[in-house]
Amino acid sequence: MRVEEFERFAAVASERLEFIAGEARTKPPGDGDHGAIIMWLLRQCMQHRPEHDLHIEQGIRVEQYRTGCARSDGVLAPVAHFAGQGEWADPAG
C-alpha cells in the first residue's frame, strides 16, 4: 500500500490508524493515565515554552522520504507550525 492510498483509507476508517513500515495499524485510545500525563506535559510546555504549542494526536508524516503516517501523542512545535497542512502534516512545517 502506498501512503496516498493509506491516507484515503484512514480518512473514512472507524478506527484511528497509522501507517508504519508499509502496514496500516490501529492505534488504541489512551487511558486515564495517558490523559493525565498529556495534561501535565501541556501545562509544562505552556509555562516554559509559551512560543510553542503542544499538538495532541497530530498526524505526522514519518520515515525516510515521508513514506509513513503516525499519530503522535504530542508534538511540541512553534505556534501555527502545522497550520493549513491537513490531517497528515510534514514535520518540517
N, C-alpha and C. Protein backbone atom coordinates (compact mmCIF):
# COMPACT_ATOMS: atom_id res chain seq x y z
N MET A 1 0.86 -1.18 0.00
CA MET A 1 0.00 0.00 0.00
C MET A 1 0.90 1.24 0.00
N ARG A 2 0.56 2.19 -0.82
CA ARG A 2 1.29 3.45 -0.84
C ARG A 2 0.68 4.41 0.19
N VAL A 3 1.44 5.42 0.58
CA VAL A 3 0.98 6.35 1.61
C VAL A 3 -0.27 7.10 1.15
N GLU A 4 -0.38 7.40 -0.13
CA GLU A 4 -1.56 8.10 -0.63
C GLU A 4 -2.82 7.24 -0.48
N GLU A 5 -2.68 5.94 -0.75
CA GLU A 5 -3.81 5.02 -0.58
C GLU A 5 -4.20 4.92 0.89
N PHE A 6 -3.18 4.85 1.76
CA PHE A 6 -3.47 4.80 3.20
C PHE A 6 -4.24 6.03 3.65
N GLU A 7 -3.83 7.21 3.21
CA GLU A 7 -4.49 8.44 3.64
C GLU A 7 -5.97 8.44 3.25
N ARG A 8 -6.30 7.97 2.07
CA ARG A 8 -7.71 7.89 1.66
C ARG A 8 -8.46 6.88 2.52
N PHE A 9 -7.85 5.75 2.80
CA PHE A 9 -8.46 4.71 3.63
C PHE A 9 -8.66 5.21 5.06
N ALA A 10 -7.64 5.84 5.64
CA ALA A 10 -7.71 6.32 7.02
C ALA A 10 -8.77 7.40 7.20
N ALA A 11 -9.02 8.18 6.15
CA ALA A 11 -10.00 9.27 6.24
C ALA A 11 -11.41 8.76 6.49
N VAL A 12 -11.72 7.54 6.09
CA VAL A 12 -13.07 7.01 6.25
C VAL A 12 -13.14 5.84 7.24
N ALA A 13 -12.02 5.44 7.79
CA ALA A 13 -11.99 4.30 8.72
C ALA A 13 -12.63 4.67 10.06
N SER A 14 -13.23 3.69 10.70
CA SER A 14 -13.86 3.94 12.01
C SER A 14 -12.84 3.89 13.15
N GLU A 15 -11.65 3.38 12.89
CA GLU A 15 -10.60 3.31 13.91
C GLU A 15 -9.52 4.34 13.61
N ARG A 16 -8.73 4.66 14.64
CA ARG A 16 -7.58 5.55 14.44
C ARG A 16 -6.44 4.70 13.88
N LEU A 17 -5.91 5.11 12.74
CA LEU A 17 -4.90 4.31 12.05
C LEU A 17 -3.59 5.05 11.91
N GLU A 18 -2.51 4.26 11.82
CA GLU A 18 -1.18 4.74 11.48
C GLU A 18 -0.68 3.87 10.34
N PHE A 19 0.32 4.37 9.62
CA PHE A 19 0.91 3.63 8.51
C PHE A 19 2.41 3.59 8.75
N ILE A 20 2.91 2.45 9.25
CA ILE A 20 4.30 2.31 9.63
C ILE A 20 4.90 1.11 8.89
N ALA A 21 6.06 1.31 8.29
CA ALA A 21 6.78 0.24 7.58
C ALA A 21 5.88 -0.47 6.56
N GLY A 22 5.06 0.31 5.86
CA GLY A 22 4.21 -0.25 4.81
C GLY A 22 2.97 -0.97 5.29
N GLU A 23 2.66 -0.90 6.59
CA GLU A 23 1.49 -1.57 7.15
C GLU A 23 0.56 -0.59 7.82
N ALA A 24 -0.75 -0.75 7.59
CA ALA A 24 -1.75 0.03 8.32
C ALA A 24 -1.94 -0.65 9.68
N ARG A 25 -1.87 0.14 10.75
CA ARG A 25 -2.02 -0.39 12.10
C ARG A 25 -3.01 0.47 12.87
N THR A 26 -3.75 -0.15 13.78
CA THR A 26 -4.65 0.63 14.62
C THR A 26 -3.87 1.20 15.79
N LYS A 27 -4.27 2.38 16.22
CA LYS A 27 -3.67 2.99 17.40
C LYS A 27 -4.74 3.00 18.48
N PRO A 28 -4.51 2.28 19.58
CA PRO A 28 -5.53 2.24 20.63
C PRO A 28 -5.68 3.59 21.31
N PRO A 29 -6.86 3.89 21.81
CA PRO A 29 -7.05 5.15 22.53
C PRO A 29 -6.29 5.13 23.84
N GLY A 30 -5.89 6.31 24.30
CA GLY A 30 -5.20 6.41 25.57
C GLY A 30 -6.15 6.21 26.74
N ASP A 31 -5.59 5.79 27.87
CA ASP A 31 -6.41 5.61 29.08
C ASP A 31 -6.31 6.86 29.96
N GLY A 32 -6.87 6.79 31.15
CA GLY A 32 -6.86 7.94 32.06
C GLY A 32 -5.46 8.38 32.45
N ASP A 33 -4.56 7.43 32.66
CA ASP A 33 -3.18 7.79 32.99
C ASP A 33 -2.53 8.53 31.83
N HIS A 34 -2.77 8.05 30.63
CA HIS A 34 -2.22 8.70 29.44
C HIS A 34 -2.72 10.14 29.35
N GLY A 35 -4.01 10.33 29.56
CA GLY A 35 -4.58 11.68 29.52
C GLY A 35 -3.98 12.59 30.59
N ALA A 36 -3.76 12.05 31.79
CA ALA A 36 -3.17 12.84 32.88
C ALA A 36 -1.74 13.25 32.53
N ILE A 37 -0.99 12.36 31.93
CA ILE A 37 0.39 12.68 31.54
C ILE A 37 0.40 13.76 30.47
N ILE A 38 -0.49 13.64 29.49
CA ILE A 38 -0.57 14.65 28.43
C ILE A 38 -0.92 16.02 29.01
N MET A 39 -1.86 16.06 29.95
CA MET A 39 -2.24 17.34 30.57
C MET A 39 -1.08 17.93 31.36
N TRP A 40 -0.34 17.09 32.09
CA TRP A 40 0.84 17.57 32.83
C TRP A 40 1.85 18.16 31.84
N LEU A 41 2.10 17.44 30.74
CA LEU A 41 3.05 17.92 29.74
C LEU A 41 2.58 19.22 29.12
N LEU A 42 1.29 19.34 28.86
CA LEU A 42 0.74 20.58 28.30
C LEU A 42 0.99 21.76 29.24
N ARG A 43 0.75 21.57 30.53
CA ARG A 43 0.99 22.65 31.50
C ARG A 43 2.47 23.04 31.52
N GLN A 44 3.36 22.05 31.48
CA GLN A 44 4.80 22.34 31.49
C GLN A 44 5.20 23.13 30.25
N CYS A 45 4.69 22.72 29.11
CA CYS A 45 5.04 23.40 27.86
C CYS A 45 4.53 24.83 27.84
N MET A 46 3.30 25.04 28.31
CA MET A 46 2.74 26.39 28.34
C MET A 46 3.56 27.29 29.26
N GLN A 47 4.04 26.73 30.34
CA GLN A 47 4.79 27.51 31.32
C GLN A 47 6.21 27.84 30.83
N HIS A 48 6.86 26.88 30.22
CA HIS A 48 8.27 27.04 29.87
C HIS A 48 8.53 27.39 28.41
N ARG A 49 7.60 27.09 27.53
CA ARG A 49 7.77 27.38 26.10
C ARG A 49 6.50 27.99 25.52
N PRO A 50 6.10 29.19 25.98
CA PRO A 50 4.84 29.77 25.52
C PRO A 50 4.82 30.10 24.02
N GLU A 51 5.98 30.14 23.39
CA GLU A 51 6.03 30.41 21.95
C GLU A 51 5.78 29.15 21.12
N HIS A 52 5.53 28.03 21.80
CA HIS A 52 5.25 26.76 21.13
C HIS A 52 3.88 26.24 21.55
N ASP A 53 3.31 25.40 20.69
CA ASP A 53 2.06 24.70 21.00
C ASP A 53 2.37 23.22 21.15
N LEU A 54 1.62 22.55 22.02
CA LEU A 54 1.71 21.10 22.12
C LEU A 54 0.53 20.53 21.34
N HIS A 55 0.81 19.94 20.21
CA HIS A 55 -0.22 19.39 19.32
C HIS A 55 -0.48 17.95 19.74
N ILE A 56 -1.68 17.69 20.23
CA ILE A 56 -2.06 16.36 20.69
C ILE A 56 -2.66 15.57 19.52
N GLU A 57 -2.19 14.35 19.32
CA GLU A 57 -2.72 13.45 18.28
C GLU A 57 -2.54 14.00 16.87
N GLN A 58 -1.55 14.85 16.66
CA GLN A 58 -1.30 15.38 15.31
C GLN A 58 -0.82 14.25 14.41
N GLY A 59 -1.42 14.11 13.25
CA GLY A 59 -0.94 13.15 12.26
C GLY A 59 0.33 13.70 11.63
N ILE A 60 1.38 12.89 11.61
CA ILE A 60 2.70 13.32 11.12
C ILE A 60 3.18 12.34 10.06
N ARG A 61 3.75 12.87 9.00
CA ARG A 61 4.42 12.02 8.01
C ARG A 61 5.78 11.63 8.61
N VAL A 62 6.06 10.34 8.62
CA VAL A 62 7.28 9.83 9.24
C VAL A 62 8.04 8.93 8.28
N GLU A 63 9.15 8.43 8.70
CA GLU A 63 10.03 7.54 7.98
C GLU A 63 10.75 8.29 6.86
N GLN A 64 11.76 7.65 6.33
CA GLN A 64 12.55 8.26 5.26
C GLN A 64 11.65 8.58 4.07
N TYR A 65 11.81 9.74 3.51
CA TYR A 65 11.02 10.22 2.37
C TYR A 65 9.54 10.37 2.70
N ARG A 66 9.20 10.45 4.00
CA ARG A 66 7.83 10.67 4.47
C ARG A 66 6.88 9.60 3.93
N THR A 67 7.30 8.34 3.99
CA THR A 67 6.50 7.24 3.46
C THR A 67 5.62 6.58 4.50
N GLY A 68 5.53 7.15 5.69
CA GLY A 68 4.66 6.61 6.73
C GLY A 68 3.84 7.72 7.35
N CYS A 69 2.85 7.33 8.13
CA CYS A 69 1.98 8.29 8.81
C CYS A 69 1.76 7.80 10.23
N ALA A 70 2.06 8.64 11.22
CA ALA A 70 1.90 8.25 12.62
C ALA A 70 1.09 9.31 13.35
N ARG A 71 0.38 8.87 14.38
CA ARG A 71 -0.34 9.80 15.24
C ARG A 71 0.46 9.94 16.53
N SER A 72 1.06 11.08 16.69
CA SER A 72 1.91 11.31 17.86
C SER A 72 1.05 11.56 19.09
N ASP A 73 1.56 11.17 20.24
CA ASP A 73 0.87 11.52 21.49
C ASP A 73 0.93 13.03 21.69
N GLY A 74 2.04 13.63 21.30
CA GLY A 74 2.18 15.08 21.41
C GLY A 74 3.39 15.55 20.63
N VAL A 75 3.27 16.68 19.97
CA VAL A 75 4.38 17.29 19.23
C VAL A 75 4.49 18.73 19.68
N LEU A 76 5.66 19.11 20.17
CA LEU A 76 5.92 20.49 20.56
C LEU A 76 6.50 21.21 19.35
N ALA A 77 5.80 22.22 18.87
CA ALA A 77 6.21 22.93 17.66
C ALA A 77 5.84 24.41 17.80
N PRO A 78 6.52 25.29 17.05
CA PRO A 78 6.16 26.70 17.09
C PRO A 78 4.68 26.91 16.79
N VAL A 79 4.12 27.98 17.34
CA VAL A 79 2.72 28.32 17.12
C VAL A 79 2.44 28.36 15.62
N ALA A 80 1.36 27.75 15.19
CA ALA A 80 0.89 27.70 13.80
C ALA A 80 1.80 26.89 12.87
N HIS A 81 2.70 26.09 13.42
CA HIS A 81 3.64 25.30 12.61
C HIS A 81 2.93 24.36 11.64
N PHE A 82 1.83 23.77 12.06
CA PHE A 82 1.11 22.82 11.23
C PHE A 82 -0.13 23.42 10.56
N ALA A 83 -0.31 24.72 10.65
CA ALA A 83 -1.50 25.37 10.09
C ALA A 83 -1.59 25.11 8.59
N GLY A 84 -2.78 24.74 8.14
CA GLY A 84 -3.05 24.55 6.73
C GLY A 84 -2.52 23.27 6.12
N GLN A 85 -2.02 22.34 6.93
CA GLN A 85 -1.41 21.13 6.37
C GLN A 85 -2.35 19.94 6.25
N GLY A 86 -3.50 19.99 6.86
CA GLY A 86 -4.39 18.84 6.78
C GLY A 86 -4.08 17.80 7.84
N GLU A 87 -4.65 16.60 7.67
CA GLU A 87 -4.56 15.58 8.71
C GLU A 87 -3.15 15.02 8.90
N TRP A 88 -2.38 14.86 7.82
CA TRP A 88 -1.04 14.29 7.90
C TRP A 88 -0.03 15.37 7.54
N ALA A 89 0.57 15.95 8.55
CA ALA A 89 1.45 17.10 8.35
C ALA A 89 2.91 16.68 8.16
N ASP A 90 3.64 17.50 7.42
CA ASP A 90 5.08 17.33 7.30
C ASP A 90 5.71 17.90 8.56
N PRO A 91 6.57 17.15 9.26
CA PRO A 91 7.14 17.67 10.49
C PRO A 91 7.99 18.92 10.29
N ALA A 92 8.45 19.16 9.07
CA ALA A 92 9.25 20.36 8.80
C ALA A 92 8.39 21.62 8.76
N GLY A 93 7.07 21.46 8.71
CA GLY A 93 6.18 22.61 8.70
C GLY A 93 5.72 23.02 7.34
